[in-house]
Amino acid sequence: QGSPARKHHLVPRSYLDRWVEADKVRVTEPDTQHTYVAAPTAVARETDYYRLESEDIDAAEIPPLLFETLLSDVEGHGKTAIDELLARSPDEIDPELMAWFFWYLSFQFTRGRSFREQQRRLAQRLSQLNSGIIAHEMRESLHGAIIPTADEVRSVERVADAVEDGTLILMPQEPSLIDLSMRAADGVGRYFASREWVVYRTPPILVTCDEPVVVIGGPGQPRGRRGHLADAGVVILPLTPSAVLAMFRPDRMPPPTAVTELDHAETLDLNREIIANSVRWVFDQPSRRTAEKLRVPLAPPALGEDEPVEVVNVRGGRAIRVYQPTRWDGADLVPDWPVARWWR
């Protein structure tokens, strides 16, 4: 029996296969405009990306490839569900299969670089804001039931001093971030289940990316901030180059008689939004170069921060609100929300 594969896909291979021509898919990096054609098995991969391995983890209790194995099972059902969505309306699909698809969507939302980096930067910021408290708790730990040695006292004091003066920032280990993405997915599915679903047919020019679940806030929400699943006007998932799943907030749902086909201009609007949602890679059919033609601003930092505001009834307290920026944050030219008729 060979060793487990160490190259892990950030996007399911079965999903990328839908953009294949002659066994290849086009990959474009929007920030550099570097573009190339490769087999879907060789793209959107990172070494040990889902591997749950650490000196603090017992491999007998938590297998290193637990997440990778879980994803494989979910992706199999996800592929079947997409096939069904392309053939019939969502309410005609077996509820059990749809439940699996909610998981599929949830993992697509939390498994990627965007979610992981956001959580890493949030932990970093909390470490900075609470450095004094953390350092105090470290020093307090020296007064436990077990009397520390002189070397242990000096070691803890050095670390506490470094945390307090900002030269040391506490960050979660990679396995902790992987575990968090699994746990977060458990609560995300209900947001997809509560929405109204429509599959729109498009001209065969639709792209996808390494963050294919795209949250579109809609009018009334800031263009420079990523919307929340709970209140975004619509969430989309490209299904093929010719179809996109749109999941509407119930009060934003277009009339039942509305046309479920998008024209070229509307599809290009969605393509721009999909490209802007990418962290690194956009995927297209090899015969097309859509991501080169539709330019978007450079990828933003993982976390934005508002000016501190005073907190009522908390002596000397301040609140710092953080948000996930989009590529439109601070841009000189910001496009309108895509597919204008969705917002009328």
Protein backbone atom coordinates (compact mmCIF):
# COMPACT_ATOMS: atom_id res chain seq x y z
CA GLN A 1 0.00 0.00 0.00
CA GLY A 2 1.46 3.35 -1.08
CA SER A 3 1.77 6.49 0.97
CA PRO A 4 -1.26 8.83 1.11
CA ALA A 5 -1.27 11.63 -1.46
CA ARG A 6 0.17 14.79 0.05
CA LYS A 7 -1.13 17.16 -2.63
CA HIS A 8 -4.62 18.19 -1.54
CA HIS A 9 -7.16 19.90 -3.78
CA LEU A 10 -8.66 23.20 -2.59
CA VAL A 11 -11.47 22.72 -5.14
CA PRO A 12 -12.94 19.28 -5.96
CA ARG A 13 -11.51 17.62 -9.04
CA SER A 14 -15.01 16.47 -10.06
CA TYR A 15 -16.15 20.10 -9.96
CA LEU A 16 -13.29 21.39 -12.12
CA ASP A 17 -13.95 18.62 -14.64
CA ARG A 18 -17.00 20.58 -15.76
CA TRP A 19 -14.67 23.23 -17.26
CA VAL A 20 -12.44 20.71 -19.04
CA GLU A 21 -11.69 20.75 -22.76
CA ALA A 22 -9.43 18.01 -24.13
CA ASP A 23 -8.57 16.93 -20.57
CA LYS A 24 -7.34 20.43 -19.64
CA VAL A 25 -8.59 23.48 -17.78
CA ARG A 26 -7.33 27.06 -17.99
CA VAL A 27 -5.94 28.58 -14.78
CA THR A 28 -5.46 32.33 -14.39
CA GLU A 29 -4.01 34.22 -11.44
CA PRO A 30 -5.83 37.60 -11.45
CA ASP A 31 -3.17 39.40 -9.40
CA THR A 32 -0.35 38.58 -11.86
CA GLN A 33 -2.37 37.79 -15.01
CA HIS A 34 -0.31 34.61 -15.30
CA THR A 35 -2.36 32.05 -17.22
CA TYR A 36 -1.70 28.47 -18.24
CA VAL A 37 -3.46 25.25 -19.22
CA ALA A 38 -3.15 22.09 -17.13
CA ALA A 39 -4.94 18.88 -16.21
CA PRO A 40 -7.52 19.39 -13.44
CA THR A 41 -5.65 16.84 -11.32
CA ALA A 42 -2.64 19.19 -11.21
CA VAL A 43 -4.25 22.52 -10.30
CA ALA A 44 -5.48 24.19 -7.10
CA ARG A 45 -3.37 21.92 -4.90
CA GLU A 46 -1.32 22.49 -1.78
CA THR A 47 0.89 20.05 0.11
CA ASP A 48 -0.74 18.63 3.27
CA TYR A 49 -3.38 21.35 3.18
CA TYR A 50 -5.92 19.27 5.14
CA ARG A 51 -3.49 17.17 7.19
CA LEU A 52 -4.35 17.12 10.90
CA GLU A 53 -0.91 16.43 12.28
CA SER A 54 0.83 17.96 15.30
CA GLU A 55 2.82 16.86 18.32
CA ASP A 56 -0.26 17.82 20.34
CA ILE A 57 -2.57 15.48 18.41
CA ASP A 58 -2.83 11.72 18.98
CA ALA A 59 -2.96 10.21 15.49
CA ALA A 60 -4.73 7.15 16.91
CA GLU A 61 -7.64 9.32 18.05
CA ILE A 62 -7.66 11.86 15.21
CA PRO A 63 -6.34 10.37 11.93
CA PRO A 64 -4.20 12.91 10.01
CA LEU A 65 -6.36 12.53 6.89
CA LEU A 66 -9.73 12.74 8.67
CA PHE A 67 -10.74 15.96 6.90
CA GLU A 68 -9.49 14.77 3.52
CA THR A 69 -11.52 11.55 3.88
CA LEU A 70 -14.64 13.46 4.94
CA LEU A 71 -14.32 15.82 2.00
CA SER A 72 -14.00 12.92 -0.43
CA ASP A 73 -17.31 11.48 0.78
CA VAL A 74 -19.07 14.85 0.65
CA GLU A 75 -17.68 15.63 -2.82
CA GLY A 76 -19.09 12.39 -4.23
CA HIS A 77 -22.59 13.35 -3.15
CA GLY A 78 -21.98 16.94 -4.28
CA LYS A 79 -21.20 15.81 -7.82
CA THR A 80 -24.43 13.80 -7.94
CA ALA A 81 -26.43 16.74 -6.59
CA ILE A 82 -25.04 19.12 -9.24
CA ASP A 83 -25.96 16.59 -11.94
CA GLU A 84 -29.48 16.56 -10.54
CA LEU A 85 -29.71 20.35 -10.32
CA LEU A 86 -28.79 20.58 -13.98
CA ALA A 87 -31.61 18.18 -14.89
CA ARG A 88 -34.50 19.20 -12.62
CA SER A 89 -35.70 21.83 -10.16
CA PRO A 90 -34.33 21.77 -6.59
CA ASP A 91 -37.70 20.78 -5.06
CA GLU A 92 -37.72 17.62 -7.22
CA ILE A 93 -34.43 16.33 -5.81
CA ASP A 94 -34.26 13.72 -3.06
CA PRO A 95 -34.12 15.56 0.32
CA GLU A 96 -31.32 13.34 1.59
CA LEU A 97 -29.17 14.21 -1.41
CA MET A 98 -29.96 17.89 -0.88
CA ALA A 99 -28.84 17.56 2.74
CA TRP A 100 -25.52 16.27 1.46
CA PHE A 101 -25.35 19.20 -0.94
CA PHE A 102 -25.79 21.65 1.93
CA TRP A 103 -22.67 20.05 3.43
CA TYR A 104 -20.91 20.35 0.08
CA LEU A 105 -21.69 24.06 -0.13
CA SER A 106 -20.67 24.58 3.49
CA PHE A 107 -17.29 22.96 3.00
CA GLN A 108 -16.72 24.93 -0.19
CA PHE A 109 -17.31 28.04 1.90
CA THR A 110 -14.95 27.13 4.78
CA ARG A 111 -12.25 24.88 3.30
CA GLY A 112 -10.40 27.48 1.24
CA ARG A 113 -7.63 29.96 1.86
CA SER A 114 -10.01 32.86 2.42
CA PHE A 115 -11.69 31.42 5.53
CA ARG A 116 -8.46 30.01 6.96
CA GLU A 117 -6.49 33.22 6.52
CA GLN A 118 -9.31 35.30 7.97
CA GLN A 119 -9.33 33.14 11.11
CA ARG A 120 -5.55 33.32 11.38
CA ARG A 121 -5.53 37.12 11.18
CA LEU A 122 -8.43 37.39 13.62
CA ALA A 123 -6.51 35.29 16.15
CA GLN A 124 -3.45 37.44 15.57
CA ARG A 125 -5.41 40.63 16.18
CA LEU A 126 -6.98 39.24 19.35
CA SER A 127 -3.51 38.31 20.57
CA GLN A 128 -2.34 41.87 19.99
CA LEU A 129 -5.37 43.46 21.64
CA ASN A 130 -5.18 41.19 24.69
CA SER A 131 -1.41 40.95 25.04
CA GLY A 132 -1.46 42.32 28.58
CA ILE A 133 -4.12 39.86 29.72
CA ILE A 134 -2.35 36.93 28.08
CA ALA A 135 0.98 37.88 29.64
CA HIS A 136 -0.68 38.24 33.06
CA GLU A 137 -2.26 34.77 32.78
CA MET A 138 1.10 33.30 31.80
CA ARG A 139 2.71 34.73 34.92
CA GLU A 140 -0.23 33.60 37.07
CA SER A 141 0.32 30.05 35.82
CA LEU A 142 3.59 30.04 37.77
CA HIS A 143 1.59 30.02 41.01
CA GLY A 144 -0.11 26.68 40.50
CA ALA A 145 0.05 23.55 42.60
CA ILE A 146 3.34 22.46 41.02
CA ILE A 147 6.29 24.66 41.97
CA PRO A 148 8.20 25.58 38.79
CA THR A 149 11.96 25.41 38.49
CA ALA A 150 14.03 28.57 38.10
CA ASP A 151 14.55 27.79 34.41
CA GLU A 152 10.78 27.39 33.89
CA VAL A 153 10.13 30.72 35.61
CA ARG A 154 12.67 32.49 33.42
CA SER A 155 11.24 30.85 30.28
CA VAL A 156 7.65 31.88 31.10
CA GLU A 157 8.75 35.40 31.99
CA ARG A 158 10.62 35.76 28.69
CA VAL A 159 7.58 34.65 26.71
CA ALA A 160 5.22 36.85 28.76
CA ASP A 161 7.47 39.87 28.23
CA ALA A 162 7.60 39.18 24.49
CA VAL A 163 3.82 38.89 24.27
CA GLU A 164 3.34 42.05 26.30
CA ASP A 165 5.67 44.20 24.21
CA GLY A 166 4.36 42.81 20.91
CA THR A 167 7.52 41.04 19.75
CA LEU A 168 5.71 37.70 20.05
CA ILE A 169 2.23 37.20 18.62
CA LEU A 170 0.32 34.03 19.43
CA MET A 171 -1.08 32.27 16.37
CA PRO A 172 -3.15 29.07 16.05
CA GLN A 173 -1.47 25.99 14.63
CA GLU A 174 -2.53 24.87 11.17
CA PRO A 175 -4.40 21.79 12.51
CA SER A 176 -6.45 24.13 14.71
CA LEU A 177 -7.48 26.13 11.66
CA ILE A 178 -8.38 22.95 9.78
CA ASP A 179 -10.48 21.80 12.74
CA LEU A 180 -12.17 25.19 12.86
CA SER A 181 -13.09 25.00 9.17
CA MET A 182 -14.70 21.60 9.78
CA ARG A 183 -16.64 22.85 12.79
CA ALA A 184 -17.72 26.06 11.06
CA ALA A 185 -19.13 24.10 8.13
CA ASP A 186 -21.50 22.35 10.54
CA GLY A 187 -23.37 25.59 11.20
CA VAL A 188 -23.22 27.08 7.71
CA GLY A 189 -25.54 24.68 5.91
CA ARG A 190 -28.73 26.12 7.41
CA TYR A 191 -28.09 29.42 5.63
CA PHE A 192 -28.16 27.68 2.26
CA ALA A 193 -31.22 25.61 3.21
CA SER A 194 -33.19 28.73 4.14
CA ARG A 195 -32.75 30.35 0.72
CA GLU A 196 -34.79 30.21 -2.48
CA TRP A 197 -32.88 28.39 -5.22
CA VAL A 198 -32.90 29.07 -8.95
CA VAL A 199 -30.61 27.55 -11.59
CA TYR A 200 -29.93 30.08 -14.36
CA ARG A 201 -28.70 29.08 -17.79
CA THR A 202 -25.99 31.28 -19.24
CA PRO A 203 -23.99 31.61 -22.44
CA PRO A 204 -21.10 29.08 -22.23
CA ILE A 205 -18.64 31.62 -20.85
CA LEU A 206 -19.04 31.29 -17.08
CA VAL A 207 -15.87 30.89 -15.02
CA THR A 208 -15.28 29.59 -11.50
CA CYS A 209 -12.52 30.07 -8.94
CA ASP A 210 -10.83 28.76 -5.80
CA GLU A 211 -13.64 30.30 -3.71
CA PRO A 212 -16.62 29.25 -5.86
CA VAL A 213 -19.36 30.06 -3.30
CA VAL A 214 -19.74 33.79 -3.95
CA VAL A 215 -21.68 35.92 -1.45
CA ILE A 216 -23.26 38.98 -3.10
CA GLY A 217 -24.63 41.50 -0.62
CA GLY A 218 -26.80 43.58 -2.94
CA PRO A 219 -28.06 47.18 -2.67
CA GLY A 220 -27.88 48.62 0.81
CA GLN A 221 -24.75 46.69 1.71
CA PRO A 222 -21.18 48.02 1.33
CA ARG A 223 -19.49 46.98 -1.91
CA GLY A 224 -16.07 46.84 -0.28
CA ARG A 225 -17.05 44.30 2.38
CA ARG A 226 -17.83 40.66 1.92
CA GLY A 227 -21.49 39.98 2.70
CA HIS A 228 -22.73 37.58 5.36
CA LEU A 229 -24.54 34.38 4.46
CA ALA A 230 -27.38 35.35 6.78
CA ASP A 231 -28.35 38.60 5.06
CA ALA A 232 -26.73 38.70 1.61
CA GLY A 233 -29.18 39.24 -1.22
CA VAL A 234 -27.93 36.24 -3.20
CA VAL A 235 -25.25 33.58 -2.98
CA ILE A 236 -24.08 31.93 -6.20
CA LEU A 237 -22.20 28.80 -7.20
CA PRO A 238 -21.15 28.31 -10.85
CA LEU A 239 -22.24 24.80 -11.86
CA THR A 240 -20.84 24.60 -15.38
CA PRO A 241 -19.70 27.12 -17.99
CA SER A 242 -23.40 27.33 -18.93
CA ALA A 243 -25.23 27.29 -15.59
CA VAL A 244 -25.14 28.99 -12.21
CA LEU A 245 -27.01 28.25 -9.00
CA ALA A 246 -28.42 31.40 -7.40
CA MET A 247 -29.60 31.15 -3.79
CA PHE A 248 -31.74 34.18 -2.92
CA ARG A 249 -32.71 35.62 0.42
CA PRO A 250 -36.48 35.00 0.43
CA ASP A 251 -37.40 38.70 0.33
CA ARG A 252 -35.01 39.21 -2.62
CA MET A 253 -36.43 36.34 -4.68
CA PRO A 254 -37.30 37.40 -8.27
CA PRO A 255 -40.91 36.81 -9.37
CA PRO A 256 -41.71 33.16 -10.23
CA THR A 257 -42.36 34.12 -13.85
CA ALA A 258 -38.93 35.76 -14.24
CA VAL A 259 -36.72 34.50 -17.05
CA THR A 260 -34.15 31.99 -15.79
CA GLU A 261 -31.62 32.72 -18.49
CA LEU A 262 -28.85 35.30 -18.26
CA ASP A 263 -27.62 37.19 -21.30
CA HIS A 264 -23.96 37.83 -22.17
CA ALA A 265 -23.78 41.13 -20.27
CA GLU A 266 -25.30 39.62 -17.12
CA THR A 267 -22.99 36.62 -17.33
CA LEU A 268 -19.98 38.91 -17.67
CA ASP A 269 -21.20 40.75 -14.57
CA LEU A 270 -21.20 37.46 -12.68
CA ASN A 271 -17.79 36.53 -14.08
CA ARG A 272 -16.33 39.75 -12.72
CA GLU A 273 -17.83 38.97 -9.31
CA ILE A 274 -16.47 35.41 -9.37
CA ILE A 275 -13.00 36.59 -10.35
CA ALA A 276 -13.09 39.22 -7.62
CA ASN A 277 -13.98 36.50 -5.09
CA SER A 278 -10.90 34.44 -5.91
CA VAL A 279 -7.89 34.28 -3.60
CA ARG A 280 -5.41 33.08 -6.21
CA TRP A 281 -6.90 31.06 -9.05
CA VAL A 282 -9.69 31.44 -11.62
CA PHE A 283 -10.68 28.45 -13.75
CA ASP A 284 -12.01 28.59 -17.29
CA GLN A 285 -12.19 26.50 -20.41
CA PRO A 286 -8.80 26.40 -22.17
CA SER A 287 -10.20 28.05 -25.29
CA ARG A 288 -11.15 31.19 -23.31
CA ARG A 289 -9.22 33.91 -21.49
CA THR A 290 -12.02 35.56 -19.55
CA ALA A 291 -10.02 36.29 -16.39
CA GLU A 292 -7.40 38.14 -18.43
CA LYS A 293 -10.00 40.36 -20.08
CA LEU A 294 -11.98 41.18 -16.92
CA ARG A 295 -9.49 42.95 -14.67
CA VAL A 296 -10.15 43.33 -10.96
CA PRO A 297 -8.16 45.07 -8.19
CA LEU A 298 -5.48 43.16 -6.30
CA ALA A 299 -6.52 40.79 -3.54
CA PRO A 300 -7.15 42.66 -0.25
CA PRO A 301 -5.81 41.74 3.19
CA ALA A 302 -7.72 38.96 4.92
CA LEU A 303 -9.12 41.27 7.58
CA GLY A 304 -10.21 44.91 7.67
CA GLU A 305 -10.73 46.95 10.81
CA ASP A 306 -13.02 49.88 11.60
CA GLU A 307 -12.07 52.79 13.82
CA PRO A 308 -12.57 51.92 17.53
CA VAL A 309 -15.86 53.03 19.04
CA GLU A 310 -16.72 53.57 22.68
CA VAL A 311 -18.78 50.86 24.33
CA VAL A 312 -21.73 52.03 26.40
CA ASN A 313 -21.72 51.05 30.09
CA VAL A 314 -18.20 49.62 29.98
CA ARG A 315 -15.68 51.80 31.78
CA GLY A 316 -12.93 52.77 29.40
CA GLY A 317 -14.07 50.10 26.96
CA ARG A 318 -13.72 50.24 23.21
CA ALA A 319 -15.02 47.97 20.48
CA ILE A 320 -13.12 47.26 17.30
CA ARG A 321 -15.24 45.90 14.48
CA VAL A 322 -13.49 43.76 11.91
CA TYR A 323 -14.70 42.74 8.47
CA GLN A 324 -13.57 40.78 5.44
CA PRO A 325 -12.69 43.21 2.63
CA THR A 326 -13.44 42.55 -1.03
CA ARG A 327 -11.29 43.57 -3.96
CA TRP A 328 -13.54 46.62 -4.31
CA ASP A 329 -12.54 47.98 -0.89
CA GLY A 330 -10.97 51.39 -1.62
CA ALA A 331 -11.12 50.91 -5.40
CA ASP A 332 -11.49 54.03 -7.58
CA LEU A 333 -14.01 52.35 -9.90
CA VAL A 334 -16.56 50.05 -8.33
CA PRO A 335 -19.00 48.16 -10.57
CA ASP A 336 -22.72 48.00 -9.89
CA TRP A 337 -24.10 44.89 -8.24
CA PRO A 338 -24.23 42.10 -10.85
CA VAL A 339 -27.42 41.18 -12.74
CA ALA A 340 -29.35 44.42 -12.25
CA ARG A 341 -32.79 42.79 -12.64
CA TRP A 342 -32.21 40.75 -9.48
CA TRP A 343 -32.41 43.94 -7.44
CA ARG A 344 -35.46 45.68 -8.91
